[in-house]
Every structure is written in C-alpha cells, then in structure tokens.
Amino acid sequence: MEEISSATGTSTEIVLFGSTPGNELIKSLLTIPTDTKVDFIRWNLKLNNANVDQNSFLLDINFGESQPNTSGFKNGGEKRSFEGL
C-alpha cells in the first residue's frame, strides 16, 4: 500500500494493488460476461480524500486467461476502469 499526501496536508491518495481469482461472483459484480475465461483479476484501486465533502475512487482492472510461464495474460488480457464518488 502506498499513501501520498500533498504539501498542504489537505489531500490524501491511497493506492492499493492486488489480485483475486476470477470466479462467477466477481465477474458478475464487474459486469464481465460469465462465459469469459478469467483465471485471475489484477486490481489497482486509488482512493482520494480530496476534501471533507467529496471522496473519490478510481479502479483499474486487468483480467483474462493466464499466459503460461509468465505473470501476465494471453494477448494482454482485457482492461476496464471504474470511477466514482
């Protein structure tokens, strides 16, 4: 986990990285079609506490079928981004 604070101390960004298996529940939550082969999902979640009234997030995921003998996906996998308040 990485935490970044601005010089003024008014903004904090927390960055979380991780991966999970690509089971049916996770696929449905991320609107990934159930027939898509997903061995695992790599997550990059940024939480931004810009001020008291508005917090935001940015979630980038990369998923797909494992590329043998690597830590990546066949054909680079698929990528999606989600953001919100």
Protein backbone atom coordinates (compact mmCIF):
# COMPACT_ATOMS: atom_id res chain seq x y z
CA MET A 1 0.00 0.00 0.00
CA GLU A 2 1.20 3.49 -0.83
CA GLU A 3 -0.09 6.69 0.72
CA ILE A 4 0.64 10.07 -0.82
CA SER A 5 -0.02 13.35 0.97
CA SER A 6 0.12 16.81 -0.56
CA ALA A 7 2.33 19.58 0.80
CA THR A 8 -0.71 21.39 2.23
CA GLY A 9 -1.94 18.28 4.01
CA THR A 10 -5.46 18.68 2.59
CA SER A 11 -5.41 15.76 0.14
CA THR A 12 -4.51 12.12 0.64
CA GLU A 13 -4.38 9.41 -2.00
CA ILE A 14 -4.23 5.76 -1.02
CA VAL A 15 -3.21 3.26 -3.70
CA LEU A 16 -3.96 -0.45 -3.26
CA PHE A 17 -2.72 -3.22 -5.57
CA GLY A 18 -3.77 -6.84 -5.57
CA SER A 19 -5.22 -9.78 -7.44
CA THR A 20 -8.07 -12.21 -6.96
CA PRO A 21 -9.39 -15.30 -8.73
CA GLY A 22 -11.93 -14.61 -11.46
CA ASN A 23 -14.87 -16.53 -10.04
CA GLU A 24 -18.50 -16.10 -11.10
CA LEU A 25 -19.41 -13.68 -8.27
CA ILE A 26 -16.55 -11.30 -9.01
CA LYS A 27 -17.29 -11.44 -12.75
CA SER A 28 -20.94 -10.55 -12.16
CA LEU A 29 -20.01 -7.63 -9.87
CA LEU A 30 -17.64 -6.26 -12.53
CA THR A 31 -20.09 -6.92 -15.41
CA ILE A 32 -17.74 -9.40 -17.07
CA PRO A 33 -19.71 -11.93 -19.17
CA THR A 34 -19.93 -15.30 -17.44
CA ASP A 35 -18.58 -17.14 -20.49
CA THR A 36 -15.34 -15.08 -20.44
CA LYS A 37 -12.34 -17.16 -19.30
CA VAL A 38 -10.86 -15.35 -16.30
CA ASP A 39 -8.08 -17.06 -14.37
CA PHE A 40 -7.42 -14.00 -12.22
CA ILE A 41 -8.03 -10.27 -11.96
CA ARG A 42 -5.28 -7.76 -11.23
CA TRP A 43 -6.58 -4.70 -9.30
CA ASN A 44 -5.28 -1.14 -8.93
CA LEU A 45 -7.51 0.93 -6.62
CA LYS A 46 -6.88 4.62 -5.89
CA LEU A 47 -8.82 6.24 -3.06
CA ASN A 48 -8.69 10.03 -2.99
CA ASN A 49 -9.70 12.07 0.02
CA ALA A 50 -9.63 15.46 -1.73
CA ASN A 51 -11.72 17.22 0.91
CA VAL A 52 -14.35 16.55 3.55
CA ASP A 53 -17.28 16.89 1.14
CA GLN A 54 -16.01 14.75 -1.73
CA ASN A 55 -14.07 11.49 -1.75
CA SER A 56 -13.45 9.61 -4.97
CA PHE A 57 -12.06 6.34 -6.28
CA LEU A 58 -10.53 5.02 -9.48
CA LEU A 59 -10.41 1.26 -10.03
CA ASP A 60 -8.39 -0.17 -12.92
CA ILE A 61 -8.58 -3.91 -13.54
CA ASN A 62 -6.80 -6.23 -15.97
CA PHE A 63 -8.16 -9.75 -16.37
CA GLY A 64 -8.14 -12.79 -18.59
CA GLU A 65 -6.61 -16.16 -19.21
CA SER A 66 -3.10 -16.72 -17.81
CA GLN A 67 -0.19 -16.67 -20.24
CA PRO A 68 1.84 -19.81 -19.43
CA ASN A 69 5.25 -19.23 -17.79
CA THR A 70 4.58 -15.51 -17.24
CA SER A 71 2.79 -13.32 -14.72
CA GLY A 72 0.58 -11.84 -17.45
CA PHE A 73 -2.41 -12.63 -19.60
CA LYS A 74 -2.78 -14.10 -23.09
CA ASN A 75 -2.97 -11.25 -25.62
CA GLY A 76 -2.59 -8.77 -22.76
CA GLY A 77 -6.00 -9.61 -21.30
CA GLU A 78 -8.84 -7.12 -21.05
CA LYS A 79 -8.83 -3.84 -19.14
CA ARG A 80 -11.62 -1.88 -17.52
CA SER A 81 -11.83 1.23 -15.39
CA PHE A 82 -14.44 2.32 -12.88
CA GLU A 83 -14.61 5.65 -11.08
CA GLY A 84 -16.96 7.35 -8.73
CA LEU A 85 -17.60 9.33 -5.60
